N, C-alpha and C. Protein backbone atom coordinates (compact mmCIF):
# COMPACT_ATOMS: atom_id res chain seq x y z
N UNK A 1 61.45 -24.31 -44.39
CA UNK A 1 61.59 -22.90 -44.62
C UNK A 1 60.90 -22.15 -43.47
N UNK A 2 61.54 -21.11 -42.94
CA UNK A 2 61.01 -20.35 -41.82
C UNK A 2 60.52 -19.00 -42.33
N UNK A 3 59.22 -18.84 -42.47
CA UNK A 3 58.65 -17.58 -42.94
C UNK A 3 58.04 -16.83 -41.77
N UNK A 4 58.13 -15.48 -41.80
CA UNK A 4 57.50 -14.72 -40.71
C UNK A 4 55.98 -14.87 -40.75
N UNK A 5 55.40 -14.87 -39.57
CA UNK A 5 53.94 -14.96 -39.49
C UNK A 5 53.32 -13.66 -39.96
N UNK A 6 52.21 -13.76 -40.64
CA UNK A 6 51.49 -12.59 -41.12
C UNK A 6 50.44 -12.22 -40.08
N UNK A 7 50.84 -11.41 -39.11
CA UNK A 7 49.96 -11.02 -38.01
C UNK A 7 49.56 -9.56 -38.23
N UNK A 8 48.27 -9.27 -38.26
CA UNK A 8 47.86 -7.87 -38.43
C UNK A 8 48.27 -7.04 -37.21
N UNK A 9 48.64 -5.78 -37.43
CA UNK A 9 49.03 -4.94 -36.30
C UNK A 9 47.85 -4.71 -35.36
N UNK A 10 48.17 -4.59 -34.10
CA UNK A 10 47.15 -4.32 -33.09
C UNK A 10 46.67 -2.88 -33.29
N UNK A 11 45.37 -2.63 -33.34
CA UNK A 11 44.90 -1.26 -33.53
C UNK A 11 45.30 -0.37 -32.36
N UNK A 12 45.83 0.80 -32.67
CA UNK A 12 46.25 1.75 -31.64
C UNK A 12 45.05 2.52 -31.12
N UNK A 13 44.99 2.65 -29.83
CA UNK A 13 43.94 3.45 -29.22
C UNK A 13 44.42 4.90 -29.18
N UNK A 14 43.50 5.82 -29.04
CA UNK A 14 43.84 7.23 -29.01
C UNK A 14 44.88 7.51 -27.93
N UNK A 15 45.97 8.15 -28.31
CA UNK A 15 47.00 8.51 -27.36
C UNK A 15 47.93 7.38 -26.96
N UNK A 16 47.79 6.22 -27.56
CA UNK A 16 48.58 5.07 -27.16
C UNK A 16 49.96 5.06 -27.81
N UNK A 17 50.06 5.52 -29.04
CA UNK A 17 51.31 5.43 -29.77
C UNK A 17 52.26 6.56 -29.40
N UNK A 18 53.51 6.21 -29.23
CA UNK A 18 54.55 7.20 -28.96
C UNK A 18 55.69 6.91 -29.93
N UNK A 19 55.49 7.42 -31.15
CA UNK A 19 56.47 7.25 -32.21
C UNK A 19 56.81 8.62 -32.79
N UNK A 20 57.95 8.71 -33.44
CA UNK A 20 58.41 9.99 -33.99
C UNK A 20 57.51 10.40 -35.15
N UNK A 21 56.95 11.59 -35.05
CA UNK A 21 56.16 12.16 -36.14
C UNK A 21 57.04 13.06 -37.00
N UNK A 22 57.97 13.79 -36.38
CA UNK A 22 58.91 14.67 -37.08
C UNK A 22 60.25 14.58 -36.38
N UNK A 23 61.31 14.76 -37.17
CA UNK A 23 62.65 14.71 -36.61
C UNK A 23 63.54 15.70 -37.34
N UNK A 24 64.39 16.39 -36.60
CA UNK A 24 65.38 17.29 -37.19
C UNK A 24 66.75 16.78 -36.78
N UNK A 25 67.46 16.20 -37.73
CA UNK A 25 68.74 15.57 -37.44
C UNK A 25 69.76 16.58 -36.93
N UNK A 26 69.86 17.73 -37.57
CA UNK A 26 70.85 18.73 -37.15
C UNK A 26 70.56 19.29 -35.77
N UNK A 27 69.31 19.60 -35.51
CA UNK A 27 68.93 20.17 -34.20
C UNK A 27 68.80 19.09 -33.14
N UNK A 28 68.79 17.82 -33.55
CA UNK A 28 68.63 16.68 -32.64
C UNK A 28 67.34 16.78 -31.83
N UNK A 29 66.26 17.18 -32.53
CA UNK A 29 64.96 17.28 -31.87
C UNK A 29 63.98 16.33 -32.54
N UNK A 30 63.01 15.89 -31.77
CA UNK A 30 61.95 15.02 -32.29
C UNK A 30 60.61 15.50 -31.77
N UNK A 31 59.57 15.19 -32.54
CA UNK A 31 58.20 15.46 -32.13
C UNK A 31 57.46 14.14 -32.17
N UNK A 32 56.83 13.80 -31.06
CA UNK A 32 56.07 12.56 -30.94
C UNK A 32 54.67 12.77 -31.51
N UNK A 33 54.03 11.69 -31.92
CA UNK A 33 52.66 11.78 -32.40
C UNK A 33 51.70 12.29 -31.33
N UNK A 34 52.05 12.15 -30.05
CA UNK A 34 51.19 12.63 -28.97
C UNK A 34 51.35 14.13 -28.75
N UNK A 35 52.33 14.76 -29.43
CA UNK A 35 52.54 16.19 -29.28
C UNK A 35 53.78 16.56 -28.48
N UNK A 36 54.38 15.61 -27.79
CA UNK A 36 55.59 15.87 -27.00
C UNK A 36 56.72 16.27 -27.94
N UNK A 37 57.50 17.26 -27.54
CA UNK A 37 58.66 17.68 -28.31
C UNK A 37 59.87 17.70 -27.40
N UNK A 38 61.00 17.25 -27.88
CA UNK A 38 62.19 17.25 -27.06
C UNK A 38 63.42 16.86 -27.84
N UNK A 39 64.47 16.61 -27.11
CA UNK A 39 65.77 16.34 -27.70
C UNK A 39 66.02 14.85 -27.86
N UNK A 40 66.77 14.52 -28.89
CA UNK A 40 67.23 13.14 -29.07
C UNK A 40 68.70 13.03 -28.69
N UNK A 41 69.26 14.10 -28.14
CA UNK A 41 70.66 14.16 -27.70
C UNK A 41 70.79 13.42 -26.37
N UNK A 42 71.70 12.44 -26.28
CA UNK A 42 71.87 11.73 -25.02
C UNK A 42 72.31 12.67 -23.89
N UNK A 43 71.77 12.47 -22.70
CA UNK A 43 72.12 13.27 -21.54
C UNK A 43 73.28 12.66 -20.78
N UNK A 44 73.58 13.18 -19.60
CA UNK A 44 74.69 12.67 -18.81
C UNK A 44 74.53 11.20 -18.41
N UNK A 45 73.30 10.73 -18.27
CA UNK A 45 73.06 9.33 -17.91
C UNK A 45 73.11 8.41 -19.13
N UNK A 46 73.25 8.99 -20.32
CA UNK A 46 73.33 8.18 -21.53
C UNK A 46 72.02 8.05 -22.27
N UNK A 47 70.90 8.39 -21.63
CA UNK A 47 69.59 8.31 -22.29
C UNK A 47 69.14 9.70 -22.68
N UNK A 48 68.51 9.79 -23.83
CA UNK A 48 68.00 11.07 -24.30
C UNK A 48 66.61 11.32 -23.70
N UNK A 49 66.17 12.59 -23.69
CA UNK A 49 64.80 12.87 -23.25
C UNK A 49 63.77 12.08 -24.08
N UNK A 50 64.06 11.83 -25.37
CA UNK A 50 63.15 11.04 -26.20
C UNK A 50 63.05 9.62 -25.67
N UNK A 51 64.17 9.01 -25.33
CA UNK A 51 64.17 7.66 -24.80
C UNK A 51 63.42 7.60 -23.47
N UNK A 52 63.57 8.62 -22.65
CA UNK A 52 62.86 8.69 -21.37
C UNK A 52 61.35 8.79 -21.62
N UNK A 53 60.94 9.61 -22.60
CA UNK A 53 59.52 9.77 -22.92
C UNK A 53 58.91 8.44 -23.35
N UNK A 54 59.59 7.73 -24.23
CA UNK A 54 59.08 6.45 -24.71
C UNK A 54 59.00 5.45 -23.56
N UNK A 55 60.03 5.42 -22.71
CA UNK A 55 60.04 4.50 -21.57
C UNK A 55 58.90 4.80 -20.60
N UNK A 56 58.60 6.09 -20.39
CA UNK A 56 57.50 6.50 -19.50
C UNK A 56 56.16 5.97 -19.96
N UNK A 57 55.98 5.88 -21.26
CA UNK A 57 54.68 5.51 -21.82
C UNK A 57 54.63 4.09 -22.35
N UNK A 58 55.66 3.31 -22.08
CA UNK A 58 55.68 1.92 -22.53
C UNK A 58 54.68 1.13 -21.69
N UNK A 59 53.87 0.33 -22.34
CA UNK A 59 52.91 -0.47 -21.55
C UNK A 59 53.67 -1.49 -20.70
N UNK A 60 53.10 -1.88 -19.57
CA UNK A 60 53.77 -2.85 -18.71
C UNK A 60 53.95 -4.18 -19.45
N UNK A 61 55.03 -4.85 -19.14
CA UNK A 61 55.32 -6.15 -19.77
C UNK A 61 54.26 -7.16 -19.35
N UNK A 62 53.91 -8.01 -20.27
CA UNK A 62 52.95 -9.07 -19.96
C UNK A 62 53.67 -10.19 -19.21
N UNK A 63 53.06 -10.71 -18.17
CA UNK A 63 53.71 -11.82 -17.43
C UNK A 63 53.82 -13.04 -18.33
N UNK A 64 54.92 -13.73 -18.18
CA UNK A 64 55.11 -14.96 -18.96
C UNK A 64 54.31 -16.10 -18.33
N UNK A 65 53.72 -16.94 -19.18
CA UNK A 65 52.93 -18.07 -18.63
C UNK A 65 53.79 -19.12 -18.00
């Protein structure tokens, strides 16, 4: 049987989390926990300002051993 590991979440440091705190589906706007507000509407490149915000603040990938 394959059960998921019970791993406690890593504690978030101040300002580290960039997740939706509020969302308005009709207006297509989101507010991040860090205070950033913007659109979830995809732009001409296909990515929304929200996706760009999250990508900007994503921690660097860990090198594989």
